[in-house]
Each structure stands twice: as C-alpha cells, then as structure tokens.
Amino acid sequence: MTEFSLELNEDHVQIQKWVHDFAENVMRPAAHEWDEREETPWPIIEEAAKIGLYSFDFVANAFGDPTGLMMVLVNEELSWGDAGIALAIFGSSLAVAGIFSNGTPEQHAEWIPQCFGTPDDIKLAAFGVSEPDAGSDVSSLKTRAVYDEAKDEWVLNGTKTWITNGGLANTHVIVASVEPGLGSRGHASFVIPEGTPGISQGQKFKKMGIRASHTAEVVLEDCRVPGRCLLGGKEKLDERLARAREGKRTSSQAAMATFEASRPAVGAQAVGIARAAYEYALDYAKERKQFKRAIIENQAIAFKLADMKVRTDAARLLCWRAAWMAAHRKKFEAGEGSQSKLFAGETAVWVTEQAIQILGGYGYIREYPVERWHRDAKIYTIFEGTSEIQRLVIARAISGLHIE
C-alpha cells in the first residue's frame, strides 16, 4: 500500500519555483501599473509565452498531472504575483476546461492549441456562460443555438456578459440553449473559431478588482458555425436531449462540467492572494514599531496573523483535496469542489481585510499593495459560482435533497 504523504514531488517543486520566480520578478513589479491602466498586459503575456508558461504544452502537462496538484500550484503562485495579471495569462484556460470537459478527443486536438497560439502569434480564448439575466441561474440562459440541418451549421444569437477575454479572444467557447423547455439540461457548448462573422465585443467593464484582466460582453448575431463546432458532437447531444425529455438522468450539464473542473484551481488563485497579503502583513508587523516595540509583539496583532495563516493553509488543503479527487475521478460526495472555492474565496477577502487593518492608514492607500489585493479578492466570492451557490451545492450534496 502506498504511504500517505502531503510532500510535493520533484516536478511539483521545480515548477512551483519556476512560476514563483516569474511571479516575483516579472508580474509583481508591473502589477500596480496594469491595475491602474485597466488594460490587458500584453508584454507580460508575451514574456509568459516566451518561457513556455503561456502555452498549450504547459497547460496540457499541468492538466495531465496524475496527482491533480500541478494546476492548483501554478494558479496559487501566479495569483501571489498578481491576480489580475494571472487571469490575463490563464484566462484562456477556462475555455480549455470547457473544451476538455465537453469535447471529443478529436476536438481537444483541434481546438485547445488554438486557444494559445505560439510565442510569435499569441492567441487568447474565452468561455461564455453568464448573461444579463442569467448569472447564478444558468438554467435561464436566453442565448439560443438553432441547427440548420441543410447546411450542417448552428446559428447562435444572444448576449453573454462578464466574460473574461470576451470579444478580445480569438476563440470563444459559448454555452447556449438548444432546447429551452429542458432548462439547463437543454444546453450545449460551441466553439466559435477566430474570424467567424456574427460575434463581437459589447461593453467593456470597468471593475473594482482584477483590473488587468479584460472583462466584457460578447454579442452573437446570427453567428453561424459548422456542425463540428458543437462540443461532444450532435449524436451525443441528441441522445442526451432524448433522455432529458423522458425525465431520465443525464450527464453533467455543459456549464457545470466546466465549473466542476475549474473550481479547485480558482480556489487556489484566492489562496495566492491570501498568502500574499499574509506575508506582507507579517513582514510589516515585524518592522513597524509603535510604543517602542514591533507591533507583532502585541497579542492583538500576533493572534490576527495566526488566524490569517491558519485560514490560508486550510484553504490550500481544501483545494489540494478537491484537485486530487478530480484527478482520481473520486465523486464529490459533499461538494468538495465547491467547498474549496467557497472557503478559499471567503478566506482571501477576510485575510486581505485583516492585512489592511494591520497596516492601518498605509493599508488603505494605493502606494501599498494590500488594498489592491483586497479589491482583487472580492471577485472570488462572486464569479464561477457565488458563495451562496457554493453553499447550495454543498447543502444539496450532504442532504441528498433538492434544496432551493
């Protein structure tokens, strides 16, 4: 029997250090600038592509790690550097997760490399689910996909909102309703290739945090894609719809399959923010003197830092567990993926707030990074499932009931 261990293997340690060095030396010095500019940090993405961090090969190897931990380790280190820039670099991976979760092996091979391009020709990808009237309630999607059998094409119409890389991306993965009467069971995912007519960027949003990451509406107007752009293929879709019409159990919904695959990694991003704030506040508390002694010598500050450390480490372990379970195809019996994202997101908000409190007035001004980390942290209680939705998922899992 294999001995239980939480020790990272040699590959993990090497990649973790490699990504940390990039985060420390390239991302952190540029973080304030790109937060202020609220623009996609193309020079940083280009640097990531040059060293192979932003690439199909790297993401494929990370997703293929048999322990499941590589992607969460990488996400934590990047977000330790800066969450906004990290999302700009790895925002494409959500579209990759959508293709990987719902597509065929042939579609994986065709579309996933196009989400990244090459260092000389960088491409971006976007995953679109949310709509103006369908955020947490994905069953209410109004974006429609209608099959044109004569041409073997799907015609998409609708508006997606709050989309990372939306409109800016070369490749979009869009979740649309093919049979509205079935609710979320009537959804399917489609790849919209680069250059497809009928897809455009709508409003670009100015945000509270993660401001180096591009977020915008995606508008679909009679957007036609070939039949092969339906992820999973039409035969599989027809079988799933037939089962749903009969009231039988169907496989994972298009959007939910992607979120289930991504939640531990998203939680790890929040862990990275929390860790950054904790470390900064710890160093500050050791150096800052009031009443002739370092403020960490005061129990009020020391206990606060102790709690920050405990919560951050606990959040990391929840992410590791969920990632390991997903890699080993262990069923999430108690919403373990949602547990990781819920606890990590709320931990990041709490830890960054404590960091501001420890720094006092310095924590509230933009000259110091903790106020940016606090702004960045808040989104982790909202996107890819709000904290309320995560609790609903967990409650349903542990009760076995359909809780509204």
Protein backbone atom coordinates (compact mmCIF):
# COMPACT_ATOMS: atom_id res chain seq x y z
CA MET A 1 0.00 0.00 0.00
CA THR A 2 1.30 3.46 -0.93
CA GLU A 3 2.34 5.52 2.06
CA PHE A 4 0.25 8.65 2.59
CA SER A 5 2.18 11.88 2.05
CA LEU A 6 1.50 15.56 1.50
CA GLU A 7 5.03 16.16 0.27
CA LEU A 8 5.25 17.59 -3.24
CA ASN A 9 7.25 15.59 -5.77
CA GLU A 10 10.34 16.93 -7.53
CA ASP A 11 8.42 18.08 -10.62
CA HIS A 12 5.97 20.00 -8.45
CA VAL A 13 8.73 21.74 -6.54
CA GLN A 14 10.63 22.72 -9.68
CA ILE A 15 7.56 24.07 -11.49
CA GLN A 16 6.37 25.85 -8.37
CA LYS A 17 9.73 27.64 -8.03
CA TRP A 18 9.84 28.45 -11.75
CA VAL A 19 6.38 30.03 -11.69
CA HIS A 20 7.10 31.80 -8.39
CA ASP A 21 10.24 33.39 -9.86
CA PHE A 22 8.21 34.65 -12.83
CA ALA A 23 5.53 36.00 -10.49
CA GLU A 24 8.10 37.73 -8.28
CA ASN A 25 10.39 39.16 -10.97
CA VAL A 26 8.00 39.89 -13.86
CA MET A 27 4.45 40.18 -12.52
CA ARG A 28 4.82 41.95 -9.18
CA PRO A 29 6.89 44.90 -10.46
CA ALA A 30 4.24 45.53 -13.15
CA ALA A 31 1.12 44.85 -11.06
CA HIS A 32 0.37 48.41 -9.96
CA GLU A 33 0.83 49.81 -13.47
CA TRP A 34 -1.59 47.40 -15.15
CA ASP A 35 -4.13 47.72 -12.35
CA GLU A 36 -4.15 51.49 -12.93
CA ARG A 37 -4.25 51.15 -16.73
CA GLU A 38 -7.08 48.57 -16.65
CA GLU A 39 -5.74 47.03 -19.85
CA THR A 40 -4.63 43.57 -20.94
CA PRO A 41 -0.91 43.31 -20.06
CA TRP A 42 0.30 42.06 -23.43
CA PRO A 43 4.02 42.46 -22.60
CA ILE A 44 3.60 40.15 -19.58
CA ILE A 45 1.65 37.57 -21.61
CA GLU A 46 4.38 37.71 -24.25
CA GLU A 47 7.03 37.06 -21.59
CA ALA A 48 4.98 34.13 -20.29
CA ALA A 49 4.72 32.75 -23.82
CA LYS A 50 8.47 33.10 -24.43
CA ILE A 51 9.34 30.93 -21.45
CA GLY A 52 6.61 28.40 -22.22
CA LEU A 53 4.31 29.31 -19.33
CA TYR A 54 1.56 30.54 -21.65
CA SER A 55 1.35 27.57 -24.00
CA PHE A 56 -0.70 24.54 -24.92
CA ASP A 57 2.11 22.18 -23.90
CA PHE A 58 2.40 23.62 -20.41
CA VAL A 59 -1.34 23.60 -19.72
CA ALA A 60 -1.68 20.09 -21.17
CA ASN A 61 1.07 18.82 -18.89
CA ALA A 62 -0.45 20.62 -15.89
CA PHE A 63 -3.93 19.22 -16.57
CA GLY A 64 -2.37 15.80 -17.16
CA ASP A 65 -0.55 15.70 -13.81
CA PRO A 66 -1.73 12.41 -12.25
CA THR A 67 -1.82 13.93 -8.76
CA GLY A 68 -4.08 16.78 -9.91
CA LEU A 69 -1.98 19.30 -7.98
CA MET A 70 0.06 20.98 -10.70
CA MET A 71 -2.66 23.35 -11.88
CA VAL A 72 -3.56 24.47 -8.35
CA LEU A 73 0.11 25.04 -7.51
CA VAL A 74 0.61 27.15 -10.62
CA ASN A 75 -2.54 29.19 -10.03
CA GLU A 76 -1.57 29.96 -6.45
CA GLU A 77 1.89 31.20 -7.44
CA LEU A 78 0.60 33.35 -10.30
CA SER A 79 -2.07 34.98 -8.13
CA TRP A 80 0.54 35.51 -5.41
CA GLY A 81 2.24 37.63 -8.07
CA ASP A 82 -0.93 39.47 -9.12
CA ALA A 83 -4.44 38.10 -9.61
CA GLY A 84 -5.38 40.45 -12.45
CA ILE A 85 -2.30 39.62 -14.50
CA ALA A 86 -2.70 35.94 -13.59
CA LEU A 87 -6.19 35.94 -15.07
CA ALA A 88 -4.89 37.70 -18.16
CA ILE A 89 -2.32 34.92 -18.55
CA PHE A 90 -4.53 31.98 -17.63
CA GLY A 91 -7.98 33.30 -18.56
CA SER A 92 -7.80 31.15 -21.66
CA SER A 93 -7.64 28.03 -19.50
CA LEU A 94 -11.34 28.30 -18.64
CA ALA A 95 -12.18 27.88 -22.33
CA VAL A 96 -9.71 24.99 -22.38
CA ALA A 97 -11.57 23.42 -19.45
CA GLY A 98 -14.82 23.85 -21.37
CA ILE A 99 -13.42 22.07 -24.41
CA PHE A 100 -11.75 19.39 -22.33
CA SER A 101 -14.87 18.71 -20.24
CA ASN A 102 -17.37 18.60 -23.10
CA GLY A 103 -15.43 17.85 -26.29
CA THR A 104 -14.25 14.72 -28.03
CA PRO A 105 -10.55 13.75 -28.23
CA GLU A 106 -10.52 14.99 -31.82
CA GLN A 107 -11.93 18.34 -30.73
CA HIS A 108 -9.36 18.55 -27.94
CA ALA A 109 -6.59 18.15 -30.50
CA GLU A 110 -8.10 20.66 -32.92
CA TRP A 111 -9.26 23.47 -30.66
CA ILE A 112 -7.18 23.55 -27.48
CA PRO A 113 -3.88 24.50 -29.20
CA GLN A 114 -5.74 27.36 -30.92
CA CYS A 115 -6.57 28.81 -27.50
CA PHE A 116 -2.89 29.73 -27.05
CA GLY A 117 -1.26 30.09 -30.44
CA THR A 118 2.53 30.36 -30.43
CA PRO A 119 5.04 32.79 -28.85
CA ASP A 120 5.24 34.55 -32.23
CA ASP A 121 1.46 34.59 -32.72
CA ILE A 122 -0.27 34.66 -29.33
CA LYS A 123 -3.96 33.78 -29.20
CA LEU A 124 -6.50 34.19 -26.40
CA ALA A 125 -9.64 32.22 -25.60
CA ALA A 126 -12.84 32.97 -23.68
CA PHE A 127 -15.60 30.93 -22.07
CA GLY A 128 -19.09 32.44 -22.11
CA VAL A 129 -21.95 31.34 -19.86
CA SER A 130 -23.31 34.30 -17.85
CA GLU A 131 -25.92 36.60 -19.31
CA PRO A 132 -27.53 39.88 -18.17
CA ASP A 133 -30.49 37.92 -16.73
CA ALA A 134 -28.74 34.62 -16.02
CA GLY A 135 -25.85 34.76 -13.58
CA SER A 136 -26.23 32.17 -10.85
CA ASP A 137 -29.35 30.79 -12.55
CA VAL A 138 -27.73 29.21 -15.60
CA SER A 139 -30.99 27.41 -16.42
CA SER A 140 -32.36 30.78 -17.59
CA LEU A 141 -29.93 31.26 -20.48
CA LYS A 142 -31.54 33.04 -23.42
CA THR A 143 -28.72 32.60 -25.90
CA ARG A 144 -30.08 30.18 -28.48
CA ALA A 145 -28.38 27.78 -30.85
CA VAL A 146 -30.56 26.51 -33.70
CA TYR A 147 -29.45 23.72 -36.01
CA ASP A 148 -29.62 24.34 -39.77
CA GLU A 149 -29.73 20.76 -41.00
CA ALA A 150 -29.46 21.67 -44.70
CA LYS A 151 -26.08 23.33 -44.14
CA ASP A 152 -24.97 21.33 -41.07
CA GLU A 153 -24.49 24.61 -39.21
CA TRP A 154 -25.54 26.01 -35.85
CA VAL A 155 -26.87 29.57 -35.68
CA LEU A 156 -26.27 31.37 -32.37
CA ASN A 157 -27.99 34.51 -31.11
CA GLY A 158 -27.73 36.20 -27.72
CA THR A 159 -25.56 38.26 -25.39
CA LYS A 160 -23.05 36.99 -22.86
CA THR A 161 -21.76 39.24 -20.09
CA TRP A 162 -18.88 39.45 -17.58
CA ILE A 163 -16.76 37.31 -19.91
CA THR A 164 -13.00 37.13 -19.28
CA ASN A 165 -11.27 37.93 -22.59
CA GLY A 166 -14.75 38.44 -24.07
CA GLY A 167 -14.60 39.84 -27.60
CA LEU A 168 -10.83 40.17 -27.30
CA ALA A 169 -10.36 36.41 -27.63
CA ASN A 170 -9.55 34.66 -30.87
CA THR A 171 -11.54 31.56 -29.87
CA HIS A 172 -14.75 31.65 -27.85
CA VAL A 173 -16.49 28.72 -26.18
CA ILE A 174 -20.17 29.58 -25.75
CA VAL A 175 -22.83 27.75 -23.76
CA ALA A 176 -26.24 28.12 -25.42
CA SER A 177 -29.70 26.65 -25.12
CA VAL A 178 -30.67 24.22 -27.88
CA GLU A 179 -33.96 23.22 -26.24
CA PRO A 180 -35.21 25.89 -23.81
CA GLY A 181 -38.00 23.74 -22.44
CA LEU A 182 -35.44 21.46 -20.80
CA GLY A 183 -33.76 24.25 -18.84
CA SER A 184 -30.08 23.59 -18.09
CA ARG A 185 -30.41 20.04 -19.45
CA GLY A 186 -31.08 21.57 -22.86
CA HIS A 187 -27.73 23.39 -23.01
CA ALA A 188 -24.75 22.66 -25.24
CA SER A 189 -21.27 24.16 -25.72
CA PHE A 190 -19.98 25.51 -29.02
CA VAL A 191 -16.58 26.64 -30.25
CA ILE A 192 -16.67 29.92 -32.17
CA PRO A 193 -13.46 29.93 -34.25
CA GLU A 194 -11.41 33.02 -34.97
CA GLY A 195 -12.80 35.14 -37.78
CA THR A 196 -16.36 33.84 -37.54
CA PRO A 197 -18.86 36.52 -38.65
CA GLY A 198 -21.61 37.48 -36.21
CA ILE A 199 -19.63 37.59 -32.96
CA SER A 200 -18.45 40.90 -31.50
CA GLN A 201 -17.43 42.63 -28.30
CA GLY A 202 -20.07 44.64 -26.49
CA GLN A 203 -19.46 46.79 -23.42
CA LYS A 204 -16.08 46.52 -21.73
CA PHE A 205 -16.49 46.70 -17.95
CA LYS A 206 -14.52 48.86 -15.52
CA LYS A 207 -14.11 46.76 -12.40
CA MET A 208 -13.34 47.03 -8.70
CA GLY A 209 -10.51 44.48 -8.90
CA ILE A 210 -8.59 42.11 -11.21
CA ARG A 211 -8.39 45.15 -13.48
CA ALA A 212 -5.56 43.84 -15.67
CA SER A 213 -7.96 41.15 -16.85
CA HIS A 214 -10.24 42.11 -19.75
CA THR A 215 -13.96 41.61 -18.97
CA ALA A 216 -16.66 42.43 -21.50
CA GLU A 217 -19.92 41.47 -23.16
CA VAL A 218 -19.95 39.10 -26.13
CA VAL A 219 -22.71 39.69 -28.68
CA LEU A 220 -23.85 36.92 -31.04
CA GLU A 221 -25.96 37.96 -34.04
CA ASP A 222 -26.82 35.16 -36.47
CA CYS A 223 -23.40 33.71 -35.73
CA ARG A 224 -23.01 30.56 -37.85
CA VAL A 225 -20.57 27.78 -37.02
CA PRO A 226 -20.07 24.38 -38.66
CA GLY A 227 -21.66 21.34 -37.06
CA ARG A 228 -18.25 20.11 -35.92
CA CYS A 229 -18.08 23.11 -33.54
CA LEU A 230 -20.69 21.51 -31.27
CA LEU A 231 -18.60 20.09 -28.43
CA GLY A 232 -19.25 16.39 -27.98
CA GLY A 233 -20.96 16.06 -31.36
CA LYS A 234 -24.61 16.00 -32.41
CA GLU A 235 -25.17 12.29 -31.85
CA LYS A 236 -24.22 12.58 -28.21
CA LEU A 237 -26.34 15.74 -27.84
CA ASP A 238 -29.40 14.07 -29.40
CA GLU A 239 -29.06 11.12 -27.04
CA ARG A 240 -28.77 13.40 -24.01
CA LEU A 241 -31.78 15.50 -25.06
CA ALA A 242 -33.89 12.38 -25.64
CA ARG A 243 -33.11 11.13 -22.13
CA ALA A 244 -33.92 14.55 -20.67
CA ARG A 245 -37.29 14.65 -22.47
CA GLU A 246 -38.12 11.28 -20.92
CA GLY A 247 -37.22 12.61 -17.49
CA LYS A 248 -34.22 10.33 -17.20
CA ARG A 249 -30.93 11.28 -15.58
CA THR A 250 -28.46 12.93 -17.98
CA SER A 251 -24.72 13.50 -17.87
CA SER A 252 -23.23 16.73 -16.49
CA GLN A 253 -24.62 19.98 -17.84
CA ALA A 254 -22.36 21.87 -20.25
CA ALA A 255 -21.58 24.77 -17.92
CA MET A 256 -21.48 22.74 -14.73
CA ALA A 257 -18.97 20.25 -16.14
CA THR A 258 -16.58 23.13 -16.78
CA PHE A 259 -17.07 24.71 -13.35
CA GLU A 260 -16.59 21.37 -11.59
CA ALA A 261 -13.23 21.01 -13.34
CA SER A 262 -12.10 24.55 -12.58
CA ARG A 263 -13.22 25.27 -9.01
CA PRO A 264 -10.13 23.94 -7.18
CA ALA A 265 -7.87 25.97 -9.48
CA VAL A 266 -9.98 29.09 -8.95
CA GLY A 267 -9.84 28.49 -5.22
CA ALA A 268 -6.06 28.24 -5.50
CA GLN A 269 -5.99 31.71 -7.06
CA ALA A 270 -7.75 33.05 -3.98
CA VAL A 271 -5.22 31.22 -1.80
CA GLY A 272 -2.43 33.00 -3.66
CA ILE A 273 -3.97 36.40 -2.89
CA ALA A 274 -4.47 35.50 0.77
CA ARG A 275 -0.90 34.25 1.07
CA ALA A 276 0.47 37.43 -0.48
CA ALA A 277 -1.45 39.59 1.96
CA TYR A 278 -0.50 37.46 4.95
CA GLU A 279 3.21 37.50 4.11
CA TYR A 280 3.21 41.25 3.50
CA ALA A 281 1.36 41.96 6.75
CA LEU A 282 3.69 39.63 8.68
CA ASP A 283 6.81 41.40 7.41
CA TYR A 284 5.24 44.78 8.11
CA ALA A 285 4.27 43.79 11.65
CA LYS A 286 7.84 42.71 12.40
CA GLU A 287 9.28 46.02 11.19
CA ARG A 288 6.62 48.56 12.23
CA LYS A 289 7.26 49.97 15.70
CA GLN A 290 4.72 51.66 17.93
CA PHE A 291 5.23 52.45 21.60
CA LYS A 292 8.90 51.43 21.20
CA ARG A 293 8.31 47.84 20.07
CA ALA A 294 7.34 45.94 16.94
CA ILE A 295 3.57 45.72 16.62
CA ILE A 296 3.75 41.91 16.22
CA GLU A 297 4.68 41.78 19.91
CA ASN A 298 1.12 42.85 20.67
CA GLN A 299 -1.23 39.92 21.09
CA ALA A 300 -3.96 41.68 19.11
CA ILE A 301 -1.71 41.71 16.03
CA ALA A 302 0.03 38.37 16.59
CA PHE A 303 -3.26 36.49 17.04
CA LYS A 304 -4.68 38.16 13.93
CA LEU A 305 -1.68 36.95 11.91
CA ALA A 306 -2.01 33.47 13.42
CA ASP A 307 -5.62 33.26 12.23
CA MET A 308 -4.62 34.55 8.78
CA LYS A 309 -2.01 31.79 8.50
CA VAL A 310 -4.37 29.04 9.67
CA ARG A 311 -7.18 30.00 7.30
CA THR A 312 -4.84 30.34 4.32
CA ASP A 313 -3.28 26.93 4.91
CA ALA A 314 -6.69 25.33 5.46
CA ALA A 315 -7.96 26.82 2.19
CA ARG A 316 -4.95 25.44 0.34
CA LEU A 317 -5.55 21.94 1.69
CA LEU A 318 -9.20 22.03 0.59
CA CYS A 319 -8.07 22.98 -2.92
CA TRP A 320 -5.48 20.22 -2.96
CA ARG A 321 -8.03 17.66 -1.82
CA ALA A 322 -10.58 18.64 -4.47
CA ALA A 323 -7.93 18.70 -7.21
CA TRP A 324 -6.66 15.26 -6.15
CA MET A 325 -10.19 13.86 -6.08
CA ALA A 326 -10.94 15.23 -9.55
CA ALA A 327 -7.71 13.77 -10.97
CA HIS A 328 -8.52 10.36 -9.46
CA ARG A 329 -12.16 10.54 -10.55
CA LYS A 330 -13.40 10.42 -6.99
CA LYS A 331 -17.02 11.52 -6.74
CA PHE A 332 -17.61 14.79 -4.91
CA GLU A 333 -19.94 13.32 -2.32
CA ALA A 334 -20.09 16.50 -0.23
CA GLY A 335 -19.48 19.21 -2.81
CA GLU A 336 -15.73 19.11 -2.24
CA GLY A 337 -15.03 21.26 -5.32
CA SER A 338 -17.47 23.89 -4.06
CA GLN A 339 -16.02 23.63 -0.56
CA SER A 340 -12.58 24.55 -1.88
CA LYS A 341 -13.78 27.54 -3.87
CA LEU A 342 -16.15 28.77 -1.14
CA PHE A 343 -13.64 28.65 1.70
CA ALA A 344 -10.71 29.96 -0.32
CA GLY A 345 -12.68 32.89 -1.73
CA GLU A 346 -14.04 33.98 1.63
CA THR A 347 -10.64 33.44 3.22
CA ALA A 348 -8.99 35.75 0.67
CA VAL A 349 -11.50 38.51 1.42
CA TRP A 350 -11.04 38.13 5.19
CA VAL A 351 -7.25 37.84 5.14
CA THR A 352 -6.77 40.86 2.89
CA GLU A 353 -9.08 42.90 5.12
CA GLN A 354 -7.00 41.93 8.16
CA ALA A 355 -3.85 42.92 6.28
CA ILE A 356 -5.28 46.38 5.68
CA GLN A 357 -6.14 46.65 9.38
CA ILE A 358 -2.60 45.68 10.39
CA LEU A 359 -1.09 48.29 8.07
CA GLY A 360 -3.58 50.91 9.25
CA GLY A 361 -3.56 54.04 7.11
CA TYR A 362 -0.82 52.61 4.90
CA GLY A 363 -3.05 49.69 4.05
CA TYR A 364 -5.70 51.99 2.65
CA ILE A 365 -3.55 53.83 0.12
CA ARG A 366 -2.54 52.65 -3.34
CA GLU A 367 1.16 53.03 -2.62
CA TYR A 368 0.90 49.73 -0.74
CA PRO A 369 -0.42 46.58 -2.45
CA VAL A 370 -2.79 45.28 0.22
CA GLU A 371 -5.70 47.48 -0.86
CA ARG A 372 -5.34 46.07 -4.40
CA TRP A 373 -5.27 42.54 -3.06
CA HIS A 374 -8.46 43.23 -1.11
CA ARG A 375 -10.17 44.56 -4.24
CA ASP A 376 -8.95 41.55 -6.22
CA ALA A 377 -10.09 39.07 -3.56
CA LYS A 378 -13.75 40.05 -3.62
CA ILE A 379 -14.45 38.57 -7.04
CA TYR A 380 -13.69 35.10 -5.68
CA THR A 381 -16.94 35.17 -3.71
CA ILE A 382 -18.83 36.05 -6.91
CA PHE A 383 -17.56 34.60 -10.20
CA GLU A 384 -17.74 30.93 -11.19
CA GLY A 385 -20.49 30.49 -8.64
CA THR A 386 -21.21 32.91 -5.80
CA SER A 387 -20.62 31.88 -2.20
CA GLU A 388 -24.37 31.40 -1.90
CA ILE A 389 -24.40 29.00 -4.86
CA GLN A 390 -21.43 27.08 -3.45
CA ARG A 391 -23.30 26.63 -0.18
CA LEU A 392 -26.35 25.46 -2.13
CA VAL A 393 -24.26 22.86 -3.97
CA ILE A 394 -22.76 21.62 -0.70
CA ALA A 395 -26.13 21.58 1.07
CA ARG A 396 -27.71 19.54 -1.72
CA ALA A 397 -24.80 17.12 -1.69
CA ILE A 398 -24.82 16.44 2.04
CA SER A 399 -28.62 16.29 2.37
CA GLY A 400 -29.45 14.37 -0.77
CA LEU A 401 -32.37 16.76 -1.21
CA HIS A 402 -33.23 19.35 -3.85
CA ILE A 403 -32.81 22.46 -1.72
CA GLU A 404 -33.93 25.74 -3.31
